[in-house]
PDB file of N, CA and C in Angstrom:
ATOM      1  N   UNK A   1     -16.672  -3.164  34.577  1.00  0.00           N
ATOM      2  CA  UNK A   1     -16.084  -4.449  34.367  1.00  0.00           C
ATOM      3  C   UNK A   1     -16.233  -4.902  32.917  1.00  0.00           C
ATOM      4  N   UNK A   2     -17.463  -5.350  32.600  1.00  0.00           N
ATOM      5  CA  UNK A   2     -17.690  -5.941  31.281  1.00  0.00           C
ATOM      6  C   UNK A   2     -17.600  -4.876  30.173  1.00  0.00           C
ATOM      7  N   UNK A   3     -18.122  -3.703  30.468  1.00  0.00           N
ATOM      8  CA  UNK A   3     -18.074  -2.606  29.481  1.00  0.00           C
ATOM      9  C   UNK A   3     -16.638  -2.162  29.213  1.00  0.00           C
ATOM     10  N   UNK A   4     -15.790  -2.178  30.261  1.00  0.00           N
ATOM     11  CA  UNK A   4     -14.384  -1.796  30.086  1.00  0.00           C
ATOM     12  C   UNK A   4     -13.667  -2.752  29.131  1.00  0.00           C
ATOM     13  N   UNK A   5     -13.953  -4.042  29.240  1.00  0.00           N
ATOM     14  CA  UNK A   5     -13.334  -5.043  28.365  1.00  0.00           C
ATOM     15  C   UNK A   5     -13.761  -4.802  26.912  1.00  0.00           C
ATOM     16  N   UNK A   6     -15.054  -4.581  26.713  1.00  0.00           N
ATOM     17  CA  UNK A   6     -15.575  -4.332  25.365  1.00  0.00           C
ATOM     18  C   UNK A   6     -14.977  -3.042  24.799  1.00  0.00           C
ATOM     19  N   UNK A   7     -14.893  -2.011  25.633  1.00  0.00           N
ATOM     20  CA  UNK A   7     -14.332  -0.731  25.201  1.00  0.00           C
ATOM     21  C   UNK A   7     -12.866  -0.897  24.783  1.00  0.00           C
ATOM     22  N   UNK A   8     -12.084  -1.627  25.562  1.00  0.00           N
ATOM     23  CA  UNK A   8     -10.661  -1.852  25.243  1.00  0.00           C
ATOM     24  C   UNK A   8     -10.522  -2.640  23.935  1.00  0.00           C
ATOM     25  N   UNK A   9     -11.383  -3.635  23.746  1.00  0.00           N
ATOM     26  CA  UNK A   9     -11.330  -4.414  22.501  1.00  0.00           C
ATOM     27  C   UNK A   9     -11.702  -3.549  21.302  1.00  0.00           C
ATOM     28  N   UNK A  10     -12.671  -2.652  21.477  1.00  0.00           N
ATOM     29  CA  UNK A  10     -13.053  -1.748  20.393  1.00  0.00           C
ATOM     30  C   UNK A  10     -11.923  -0.762  20.082  1.00  0.00           C
ATOM     31  N   UNK A  11     -11.262  -0.273  21.128  1.00  0.00           N
ATOM     32  CA  UNK A  11     -10.133   0.633  20.925  1.00  0.00           C
ATOM     33  C   UNK A  11      -8.996  -0.081  20.177  1.00  0.00           C
ATOM     34  N   UNK A  12      -8.735  -1.311  20.565  1.00  0.00           N
ATOM     35  CA  UNK A  12      -7.690  -2.101  19.899  1.00  0.00           C
ATOM     36  C   UNK A  12      -8.069  -2.341  18.432  1.00  0.00           C
ATOM     37  N   UNK A  13      -9.329  -2.645  18.184  1.00  0.00           N
ATOM     38  CA  UNK A  13      -9.799  -2.859  16.812  1.00  0.00           C
ATOM     39  C   UNK A  13      -9.653  -1.582  15.992  1.00  0.00           C
ATOM     40  N   UNK A  14      -9.954  -0.440  16.601  1.00  0.00           N
ATOM     41  CA  UNK A  14      -9.816   0.846  15.910  1.00  0.00           C
ATOM     42  C   UNK A  14      -8.346   1.125  15.590  1.00  0.00           C
ATOM     43  N   UNK A  15      -7.457   0.824  16.537  1.00  0.00           N
ATOM     44  CA  UNK A  15      -6.013   0.992  16.296  1.00  0.00           C
ATOM     45  C   UNK A  15      -5.556   0.111  15.129  1.00  0.00           C
ATOM     46  N   UNK A  16      -6.025  -1.130  15.123  1.00  0.00           N
ATOM     47  CA  UNK A  16      -5.658  -2.051  14.035  1.00  0.00           C
ATOM     48  C   UNK A  16      -6.192  -1.554  12.693  1.00  0.00           C
ATOM     49  N   UNK A  17      -7.383  -0.991  12.715  1.00  0.00           N
ATOM     50  CA  UNK A  17      -7.963  -0.458  11.491  1.00  0.00           C
ATOM     51  C   UNK A  17      -7.132   0.711  10.954  1.00  0.00           C
ATOM     52  N   UNK A  18      -6.683   1.596  11.820  1.00  0.00           N
ATOM     53  CA  UNK A  18      -5.820   2.716  11.422  1.00  0.00           C
ATOM     54  C   UNK A  18      -4.514   2.172  10.848  1.00  0.00           C
ATOM     55  N   UNK A  19      -3.947   1.162  11.520  1.00  0.00           N
ATOM     56  CA  UNK A  19      -2.697   0.553  11.038  1.00  0.00           C
ATOM     57  C   UNK A  19      -2.909  -0.072   9.651  1.00  0.00           C
ATOM     58  N   UNK A  20      -4.007  -0.791   9.468  1.00  0.00           N
ATOM     59  CA  UNK A  20      -4.292  -1.403   8.175  1.00  0.00           C
ATOM     60  C   UNK A  20      -4.466  -0.349   7.082  1.00  0.00           C
ATOM     61  N   UNK A  21      -5.121   0.754   7.413  1.00  0.00           N
ATOM     62  CA  UNK A  21      -5.284   1.833   6.435  1.00  0.00           C
ATOM     63  C   UNK A  21      -3.929   2.413   6.037  1.00  0.00           C
ATOM     64  N   UNK A  22      -3.044   2.601   7.001  1.00  0.00           N
ATOM     65  CA  UNK A  22      -1.710   3.143   6.678  1.00  0.00           C
ATOM     66  C   UNK A  22      -0.915   2.158   5.824  1.00  0.00           C
ATOM     67  N   UNK A  23      -1.041   0.879   6.133  1.00  0.00           N
ATOM     68  CA  UNK A  23      -0.355  -0.138   5.329  1.00  0.00           C
ATOM     69  C   UNK A  23      -0.931  -0.186   3.916  1.00  0.00           C
ATOM     70  N   UNK A  24      -2.238  -0.056   3.796  1.00  0.00           N
ATOM     71  CA  UNK A  24      -2.883  -0.050   2.481  1.00  0.00           C
ATOM     72  C   UNK A  24      -2.382   1.130   1.654  1.00  0.00           C
ATOM     73  N   UNK A  25      -2.282   2.310   2.278  1.00  0.00           N
ATOM     74  CA  UNK A  25      -1.792   3.494   1.570  1.00  0.00           C
ATOM     75  C   UNK A  25      -0.340   3.294   1.123  1.00  0.00           C
ATOM     76  N   UNK A  26       0.475   2.710   1.996  1.00  0.00           N
ATOM     77  CA  UNK A  26       1.876   2.460   1.667  1.00  0.00           C
ATOM     78  C   UNK A  26       1.995   1.511   0.475  1.00  0.00           C
ATOM     79  N   UNK A  27       1.237   0.420   0.503  1.00  0.00           N
ATOM     80  CA  UNK A  27       1.251  -0.548  -0.598  1.00  0.00           C
ATOM     81  C   UNK A  27       0.745   0.112  -1.883  1.00  0.00           C
ATOM     82  N   UNK A  28      -0.283   0.923  -1.759  1.00  0.00           N
ATOM     83  CA  UNK A  28      -0.830   1.619  -2.923  1.00  0.00           C
ATOM     84  C   UNK A  28       0.204   2.564  -3.534  1.00  0.00           C
ATOM     85  N   UNK A  29       0.903   3.313  -2.691  1.00  0.00           N
ATOM     86  CA  UNK A  29       1.944   4.225  -3.183  1.00  0.00           C
ATOM     87  C   UNK A  29       3.068   3.463  -3.875  1.00  0.00           C
ATOM     88  N   UNK A  30       3.498   2.376  -3.267  1.00  0.00           N
ATOM     89  CA  UNK A  30       4.571   1.573  -3.865  1.00  0.00           C
ATOM     90  C   UNK A  30       4.118   0.950  -5.189  1.00  0.00           C
ATOM     91  N   UNK A  31       2.875   0.509  -5.244  1.00  0.00           N
ATOM     92  CA  UNK A  31       2.337  -0.064  -6.476  1.00  0.00           C
ATOM     93  C   UNK A  31       2.288   0.978  -7.581  1.00  0.00           C
ATOM     94  N   UNK A  32       1.842   2.173  -7.247  1.00  0.00           N
ATOM     95  CA  UNK A  32       1.805   3.257  -8.232  1.00  0.00           C
ATOM     96  C   UNK A  32       3.201   3.619  -8.722  1.00  0.00           C
ATOM     97  N   UNK A  33       4.165   3.672  -7.800  1.00  0.00           N
ATOM     98  CA  UNK A  33       5.550   3.978  -8.186  1.00  0.00           C
ATOM     99  C   UNK A  33       6.099   2.885  -9.097  1.00  0.00           C
ATOM    100  N   UNK A  34       5.811   1.640  -8.764  1.00  0.00           N
ATOM    101  CA  UNK A  34       6.266   0.523  -9.592  1.00  0.00           C
ATOM    102  C   UNK A  34       5.631   0.578 -10.977  1.00  0.00           C
ATOM    103  N   UNK A  35       4.356   0.912 -11.032  1.00  0.00           N
ATOM    104  CA  UNK A  35       3.651   1.024 -12.301  1.00  0.00           C
ATOM    105  C   UNK A  35       4.265   2.125 -13.162  1.00  0.00           C
ATOM    106  N   UNK A  36       4.574   3.272 -12.561  1.00  0.00           N
ATOM    107  CA  UNK A  36       5.211   4.371 -13.301  1.00  0.00           C
ATOM    108  C   UNK A  36       6.588   3.957 -13.808  1.00  0.00           C
ATOM    109  N   UNK A  37       7.335   3.248 -12.977  1.00  0.00           N
ATOM    110  CA  UNK A  37       8.652   2.768 -13.402  1.00  0.00           C
ATOM    111  C   UNK A  37       8.519   1.805 -14.574  1.00  0.00           C
ATOM    112  N   UNK A  38       7.533   0.919 -14.514  1.00  0.00           N
ATOM    113  CA  UNK A  38       7.295  -0.021 -15.621  1.00  0.00           C
ATOM    114  C   UNK A  38       6.964   0.731 -16.910  1.00  0.00           C
ATOM    115  N   UNK A  39       6.129   1.767 -16.807  1.00  0.00           N
ATOM    116  CA  UNK A  39       5.791   2.563 -17.989  1.00  0.00           C
ATOM    117  C   UNK A  39       7.036   3.213 -18.587  1.00  0.00           C
ATOM    118  N   UNK A  40       7.872   3.775 -17.720  1.00  0.00           N
ATOM    119  CA  UNK A  40       9.108   4.411 -18.194  1.00  0.00           C
ATOM    120  C   UNK A  40      10.026   3.387 -18.862  1.00  0.00           C
ATOM    121  N   UNK A  41      10.144   2.208 -18.235  1.00  0.00           N
ATOM    122  CA  UNK A  41      11.005   1.168 -18.805  1.00  0.00           C
ATOM    123  C   UNK A  41      10.474   0.663 -20.144  1.00  0.00           C
ATOM    124  N   UNK A  42       9.156   0.547 -20.265  1.00  0.00           N
ATOM    125  CA  UNK A  42       8.576   0.128 -21.542  1.00  0.00           C
ATOM    126  C   UNK A  42       8.818   1.171 -22.624  1.00  0.00           C
ATOM    127  N   UNK A  43       8.733   2.450 -22.255  1.00  0.00           N
ATOM    128  CA  UNK A  43       9.021   3.514 -23.223  1.00  0.00           C
ATOM    129  C   UNK A  43      10.492   3.471 -23.620  1.00  0.00           C
ATOM    130  N   UNK A  44      11.358   3.254 -22.646  1.00  0.00           N
ATOM    131  CA  UNK A  44      12.789   3.150 -22.940  1.00  0.00           C
ATOM    132  C   UNK A  44      13.075   1.939 -23.824  1.00  0.00           C
ATOM    133  N   UNK A  45      12.407   0.821 -23.531  1.00  0.00           N
ATOM    134  CA  UNK A  45      12.578  -0.384 -24.348  1.00  0.00           C
ATOM    135  C   UNK A  45      12.143  -0.109 -25.782  1.00  0.00           C
ATOM    136  N   UNK A  46      11.055   0.597 -25.950  1.00  0.00           N
ATOM    137  CA  UNK A  46      10.572   0.933 -27.285  1.00  0.00           C
ATOM    138  C   UNK A  46      11.601   1.776 -28.035  1.00  0.00           C
ATOM    139  N   UNK A  47      12.161   2.749 -27.348  1.00  0.00           N
ATOM    140  CA  UNK A  47      13.202   3.591 -27.948  1.00  0.00           C
ATOM    141  C   UNK A  47      14.414   2.749 -28.330  1.00  0.00           C
ATOM    142  N   UNK A  48      14.816   1.863 -27.440  1.00  0.00           N
ATOM    143  CA  UNK A  48      15.973   1.007 -27.722  1.00  0.00           C
ATOM    144  C   UNK A  48      15.688   0.041 -28.872  1.00  0.00           C
ATOM    145  N   UNK A  49      14.451  -0.440 -28.966  1.00  0.00           N
ATOM    146  CA  UNK A  49      14.081  -1.312 -30.085  1.00  0.00           C
ATOM    147  C   UNK A  49      14.223  -0.578 -31.414  1.00  0.00           C
ATOM    148  N   UNK A  50      13.865   0.715 -31.423  1.00  0.00           N
ATOM    149  CA  UNK A  50      14.028   1.516 -32.634  1.00  0.00           C
ATOM    150  C   UNK A  50      15.503   1.668 -32.985  1.00  0.00           C
ATOM    151  N   UNK A  51      16.327   1.896 -31.974  1.00  0.00           N
ATOM    152  CA  UNK A  51      17.771   2.025 -32.200  1.00  0.00           C
ATOM    153  C   UNK A  51      18.328   0.712 -32.748  1.00  0.00           C
ATOM    154  N   UNK A  52      17.873  -0.404 -32.178  1.00  0.00           N
ATOM    155  CA  UNK A  52      18.322  -1.720 -32.651  1.00  0.00           C
ATOM    156  C   UNK A  52      17.956  -1.900 -34.124  1.00  0.00           C
ATOM    157  N   UNK A  53      16.752  -1.507 -34.489  1.00  0.00           N
ATOM    158  CA  UNK A  53      16.333  -1.623 -35.887  1.00  0.00           C
ATOM    159  C   UNK A  53      17.211  -0.770 -36.792  1.00  0.00           C
ATOM    160  N   UNK A  54      17.544   0.428 -36.325  1.00  0.00           N
ATOM    161  CA  UNK A  54      18.398   1.319 -37.119  1.00  0.00           C
ATOM    162  C   UNK A  54      19.806   0.753 -37.268  1.00  0.00           C
ATOM    163  N   UNK A  55      20.288   0.071 -36.247  1.00  0.00           N
ATOM    164  CA  UNK A  55      21.623  -0.544 -36.312  1.00  0.00           C
ATOM    165  C   UNK A  55      21.581  -1.792 -37.176  1.00  0.00           C
ATOM    166  N   UNK A  56      20.498  -2.545 -37.061  1.00  0.00           N
ATOM    167  CA  UNK A  56      20.387  -3.814 -37.767  1.00  0.00           C
ATOM    168  C   UNK A  56      20.323  -3.642 -39.283  1.00  0.00           C
ATOM    169  N   UNK A  57      19.677  -2.588 -39.750  1.00  0.00           N
ATOM    170  CA  UNK A  57      19.520  -2.390 -41.203  1.00  0.00           C
ATOM    171  C   UNK A  57      20.870  -2.331 -41.926  1.00  0.00           C
ATOM    172  N   UNK A  58      21.827  -1.488 -41.517  1.00  0.00           N
ATOM    173  CA  UNK A  58      23.120  -1.478 -42.210  1.00  0.00           C
ATOM    174  C   UNK A  58      23.893  -2.786 -42.060  1.00  0.00           C
ATOM    175  N   UNK A  59      23.688  -3.497 -40.959  1.00  0.00           N
ATOM    176  CA  UNK A  59      24.396  -4.766 -40.772  1.00  0.00           C
ATOM    177  C   UNK A  59      24.010  -5.774 -41.838  1.00  0.00           C
ATOM    178  N   UNK A  60      22.773  -5.719 -42.306  1.00  0.00           N
ATOM    179  CA  UNK A  60      22.342  -6.653 -43.354  1.00  0.00           C
ATOM    180  C   UNK A  60      23.162  -6.442 -44.626  1.00  0.00           C
ATOM    181  N   UNK A  61      23.449  -5.175 -44.933  1.00  0.00           N
ATOM    182  CA  UNK A  61      24.272  -4.889 -46.104  1.00  0.00           C
ATOM    183  C   UNK A  61      25.689  -5.431 -45.911  1.00  0.00           C
ATOM    184  N   UNK A  62      26.236  -5.252 -44.726  1.00  0.00           N
ATOM    185  CA  UNK A  62      27.582  -5.758 -44.453  1.00  0.00           C
ATOM    186  C   UNK A  62      27.618  -7.283 -44.524  1.00  0.00           C
ATOM    187  N   UNK A  63      26.564  -7.924 -44.068  1.00  0.00           N
ATOM    188  CA  UNK A  63      26.495  -9.385 -44.161  1.00  0.00           C
ATOM    189  C   UNK A  63      26.499  -9.832 -45.622  1.00  0.00           C
ATOM    190  N   UNK A  64      25.788  -9.089 -46.467  1.00  0.00           N
ATOM    191  CA  UNK A  64      25.764  -9.417 -47.893  1.00  0.00           C
ATOM    192  C   UNK A  64      27.146  -9.227 -48.509  1.00  0.00           C
ATOM    193  N   UNK A  65      27.840  -8.151 -48.122  1.00  0.00           N
ATOM    194  CA  UNK A  65      29.202  -7.927 -48.616  1.00  0.00           C
ATOM    195  C   UNK A  65      30.097  -9.076 -48.173  1.00  0.00           C
ATOM    196  N   UNK A  66      29.969  -9.469 -46.909  1.00  0.00           N
ATOM    197  CA  UNK A  66      30.768 -10.592 -46.401  1.00  0.00           C
ATOM    198  C   UNK A  66      30.481 -11.874 -47.182  1.00  0.00           C
ATOM    199  N   UNK A  67      29.220 -12.080 -47.506  1.00  0.00           N
ATOM    200  CA  UNK A  67      28.819 -13.315 -48.180  1.00  0.00           C
ATOM    201  C   UNK A  67      29.183 -13.280 -49.667  1.00  0.00           C
ATOM    202  N   UNK A  68      28.898 -12.172 -50.351  1.00  0.00           N
ATOM    203  CA  UNK A  68      29.081 -12.103 -51.802  1.00  0.00           C
ATOM    204  C   UNK A  68      30.496 -11.728 -52.221  1.00  0.00           C
ATOM    205  N   UNK A  69      31.195 -10.939 -51.408  1.00  0.00           N
ATOM    206  CA  UNK A  69      32.549 -10.495 -51.770  1.00  0.00           C
ATOM    207  C   UNK A  69      33.475 -11.645 -52.166  1.00  0.00           C
ATOM    208  N   UNK A  70      33.655 -12.635 -51.308  1.00  0.00           N
ATOM    209  CA  UNK A  70      34.533 -13.749 -51.655  1.00  0.00           C
ATOM    210  C   UNK A  70      34.045 -14.543 -52.875  1.00  0.00           C
ATOM    211  N   UNK A  71      32.719 -14.664 -53.035  1.00  0.00           N
ATOM    212  CA  UNK A  71      32.182 -15.399 -54.185  1.00  0.00           C
ATOM    213  C   UNK A  71      32.506 -14.683 -55.494  1.00  0.00           C
ATOM    214  N   UNK A  72      32.573 -13.368 -55.435  1.00  0.00           N
ATOM    215  CA  UNK A  72      32.872 -12.573 -56.627  1.00  0.00           C
ATOM    216  C   UNK A  72      34.371 -12.306 -56.780  1.00  0.00           C
ATOM    217  N   UNK A  73      35.151 -12.846 -55.859  1.00  0.00           N
ATOM    218  CA  UNK A  73      36.592 -12.663 -55.934  1.00  0.00           C
ATOM    219  C   UNK A  73      37.051 -11.281 -55.509  1.00  0.00           C
ATOM    220  N   UNK A  74      36.196 -10.578 -54.807  1.00  0.00           N
ATOM    221  CA  UNK A  74      36.560  -9.238 -54.348  1.00  0.00           C
ATOM    222  C   UNK A  74      37.261  -9.341 -52.998  1.00  0.00           C
ATOM    223  N   UNK A  75      38.398  -8.651 -52.871  1.00  0.00           N
ATOM    224  CA  UNK A  75      39.054  -8.672 -51.554  1.00  0.00           C
ATOM    225  C   UNK A  75      38.209  -7.898 -50.548  1.00  0.00           C
ATOM    226  N   UNK A  76      38.131  -8.431 -49.371  1.00  0.00           N
ATOM    227  CA  UNK A  76      37.365  -7.786 -48.317  1.00  0.00           C
ATOM    228  C   UNK A  76      38.207  -6.660 -47.726  1.00  0.00           C
ATOM    229  N   UNK A  77      37.678  -5.456 -47.612  1.00  0.00           N
ATOM    230  CA  UNK A  77      38.451  -4.387 -46.981  1.00  0.00           C
ATOM    231  C   UNK A  77      38.893  -4.816 -45.587  1.00  0.00           C
ATOM    232  N   UNK A  78      40.102  -4.436 -45.206  1.00  0.00           N
ATOM    233  CA  UNK A  78      40.630  -4.885 -43.911  1.00  0.00           C
ATOM    234  C   UNK A  78      39.777  -4.391 -42.756  1.00  0.00           C
ATOM    235  N   UNK A  79      39.156  -3.241 -42.919  1.00  0.00           N
ATOM    236  CA  UNK A  79      38.307  -2.747 -41.837  1.00  0.00           C
ATOM    237  C   UNK A  79      37.113  -3.677 -41.626  1.00  0.00           C
ATOM    238  N   UNK A  80      36.539  -4.183 -42.705  1.00  0.00           N
ATOM    239  CA  UNK A  80      35.422  -5.128 -42.570  1.00  0.00           C
ATOM    240  C   UNK A  80      35.900  -6.450 -41.987  1.00  0.00           C
ATOM    241  N   UNK A  81      37.062  -6.908 -42.460  1.00  0.00           N
ATOM    242  CA  UNK A  81      37.583  -8.177 -41.961  1.00  0.00           C
ATOM    243  C   UNK A  81      37.844  -8.089 -40.456  1.00  0.00           C
ATOM    244  N   UNK A  82      38.382  -6.955 -40.000  1.00  0.00           N
ATOM    245  CA  UNK A  82      38.657  -6.775 -38.574  1.00  0.00           C
ATOM    246  C   UNK A  82      37.369  -6.671 -37.763  1.00  0.00           C
ATOM    247  N   UNK A  83      36.320  -6.201 -38.378  1.00  0.00           N
ATOM    248  CA  UNK A  83      35.083  -5.966 -37.641  1.00  0.00           C
ATOM    249  C   UNK A  83      34.136  -7.163 -37.639  1.00  0.00           C
ATOM    250  N   UNK A  84      34.533  -8.269 -38.230  1.00  0.00           N
ATOM    251  CA  UNK A  84      33.637  -9.431 -38.270  1.00  0.00           C
ATOM    252  C   UNK A  84      33.263  -9.915 -36.874  1.00  0.00           C
ATOM    253  N   UNK A  85      34.249  -9.975 -35.980  1.00  0.00           N
ATOM    254  CA  UNK A  85      33.958 -10.428 -34.614  1.00  0.00           C
ATOM    255  C   UNK A  85      32.997  -9.449 -33.938  1.00  0.00           C
ATOM    256  N   UNK A  86      33.228  -8.164 -34.141  1.00  0.00           N
ATOM    257  CA  UNK A  86      32.332  -7.151 -33.587  1.00  0.00           C
ATOM    258  C   UNK A  86      30.926  -7.310 -34.160  1.00  0.00           C
ATOM    259  N   UNK A  87      30.838  -7.537 -35.458  1.00  0.00           N
ATOM    260  CA  UNK A  87      29.539  -7.714 -36.099  1.00  0.00           C
ATOM    261  C   UNK A  87      28.822  -8.932 -35.520  1.00  0.00           C
ATOM    262  N   UNK A  88      29.582  -9.997 -35.304  1.00  0.00           N
ATOM    263  CA  UNK A  88      28.998 -11.213 -34.754  1.00  0.00           C
ATOM    264  C   UNK A  88      28.426 -10.952 -33.357  1.00  0.00           C
ATOM    265  N   UNK A  89      29.189 -10.252 -32.527  1.00  0.00           N
ATOM    266  CA  UNK A  89      28.715  -9.937 -31.176  1.00  0.00           C
ATOM    267  C   UNK A  89      27.495  -9.026 -31.236  1.00  0.00           C
ATOM    268  N   UNK A  90      27.526  -8.072 -32.155  1.00  0.00           N
ATOM    269  CA  UNK A  90      26.403  -7.155 -32.297  1.00  0.00           C
ATOM    270  C   UNK A  90      25.153  -7.906 -32.745  1.00  0.00           C
ATOM    271  N   UNK A  91      25.323  -8.847 -33.683  1.00  0.00           N
ATOM    272  CA  UNK A  91      24.185  -9.651 -34.141  1.00  0.00           C
ATOM    273  C   UNK A  91      23.594 -10.456 -32.987  1.00  0.00           C
ATOM    274  N   UNK A  92      24.461 -11.035 -32.141  1.00  0.00           N
ATOM    275  CA  UNK A  92      23.974 -11.799 -30.995  1.00  0.00           C
ATOM    276  C   UNK A  92      23.171 -10.905 -30.055  1.00  0.00           C
ATOM    277  N   UNK A  93      23.663  -9.689 -29.852  1.00  0.00           N
ATOM    278  CA  UNK A  93      22.952  -8.737 -28.997  1.00  0.00           C
ATOM    279  C   UNK A  93      21.603  -8.386 -29.601  1.00  0.00           C
ATOM    280  N   UNK A  94      21.582  -8.158 -30.917  1.00  0.00           N
ATOM    281  CA  UNK A  94      20.327  -7.819 -31.585  1.00  0.00           C
ATOM    282  C   UNK A  94      19.336  -8.967 -31.490  1.00  0.00           C
ATOM    283  N   UNK A  95      19.823 -10.188 -31.669  1.00  0.00           N
ATOM    284  CA  UNK A  95      18.932 -11.345 -31.545  1.00  0.00           C
ATOM    285  C   UNK A  95      18.354 -11.427 -30.150  1.00  0.00           C
ATOM    286  N   UNK A  96      19.218 -11.177 -29.136  1.00  0.00           N
ATOM    287  CA  UNK A  96      18.752 -11.214 -27.746  1.00  0.00           C
ATOM    288  C   UNK A  96      17.693 -10.147 -27.518  1.00  0.00           C
ATOM    289  N   UNK A  97      17.914  -8.954 -28.052  1.00  0.00           N
ATOM    290  CA  UNK A  97      16.964  -7.857 -27.851  1.00  0.00           C
ATOM    291  C   UNK A  97      15.646  -8.098 -28.569  1.00  0.00           C
ATOM    292  N   UNK A  98      15.641  -8.947 -29.573  1.00  0.00           N
ATOM    293  CA  UNK A  98      14.401  -9.225 -30.300  1.00  0.00           C
ATOM    294  C   UNK A  98      13.609 -10.374 -29.688  1.00  0.00           C
ATOM    295  N   UNK A  99      14.102 -10.914 -28.564  1.00  0.00           N
ATOM    296  CA  UNK A  99      13.365 -11.968 -27.874  1.00  0.00           C
ATOM    297  C   UNK A  99      12.121 -11.347 -27.245  1.00  0.00           C
ATOM    298  N   UNK A 100      11.056 -12.142 -27.080  1.00  0.00           N
ATOM    299  CA  UNK A 100       9.846 -11.597 -26.449  1.00  0.00           C
ATOM    300  C   UNK A 100      10.150 -11.125 -25.030  1.00  0.00           C
ATOM    301  N   UNK A 101       9.565 -10.018 -24.655  1.00  0.00           N
ATOM    302  CA  UNK A 101       9.738  -9.472 -23.315  1.00  0.00           C
ATOM    303  C   UNK A 101       8.429  -9.625 -22.553  1.00  0.00           C
ATOM    304  N   UNK A 102       8.563  -9.779 -21.239  1.00  0.00           N
ATOM    305  CA  UNK A 102       7.379  -9.878 -20.402  1.00  0.00           C
ATOM    306  C   UNK A 102       6.845  -8.470 -20.183  1.00  0.00           C
ATOM    307  N   UNK A 103       5.579  -8.285 -20.498  1.00  0.00           N
ATOM    308  CA  UNK A 103       4.947  -6.981 -20.306  1.00  0.00           C
ATOM    309  C   UNK A 103       3.980  -7.111 -19.139  1.00  0.00           C
ATOM    310  N   UNK A 104       4.156  -6.245 -18.125  1.00  0.00           N
ATOM    311  CA  UNK A 104       3.282  -6.365 -16.968  1.00  0.00           C
ATOM    312  C   UNK A 104       1.833  -6.076 -17.300  1.00  0.00           C
ATOM    313  N   UNK A 105       0.948  -6.730 -16.547  1.00  0.00           N
ATOM    314  CA  UNK A 105      -0.480  -6.515 -16.733  1.00  0.00           C
ATOM    315  C   UNK A 105      -0.850  -5.136 -16.217  1.00  0.00           C
ATOM    316  N   UNK A 106      -1.762  -4.471 -16.911  1.00  0.00           N
ATOM    317  CA  UNK A 106      -2.256  -3.182 -16.446  1.00  0.00           C
ATOM    318  C   UNK A 106      -3.256  -3.408 -15.333  1.00  0.00           C
ATOM    319  N   UNK A 107      -3.259  -2.503 -14.384  1.00  0.00           N
ATOM    320  CA  UNK A 107      -4.178  -2.672 -13.251  1.00  0.00           C
ATOM    321  C   UNK A 107      -5.406  -1.833 -13.453  1.00  0.00           C
TER     322      UNK A 107
END
């Protein structure tokens, strides 16, 4: 009677413990996968930041040409004049990419 009730409760507790262990392993695996993905994304972001810097450097020269050319009475090449809108959009993208990014905490 009484021992059977205690035994059933212990069996149920053991089942719950096994379930909790499996859930813990699942959460741990997902956390590790997420951490690896974050590392890969941070490495990719670093690579993209380098590309942005490489693109940004020549744009500074073009901005100077845009600014100084008319002051010196030099006609702006039509290719540069046509690309002003593109340059503006590219500058906006570069500014956006230089905004601070949230970096996940290491565990």
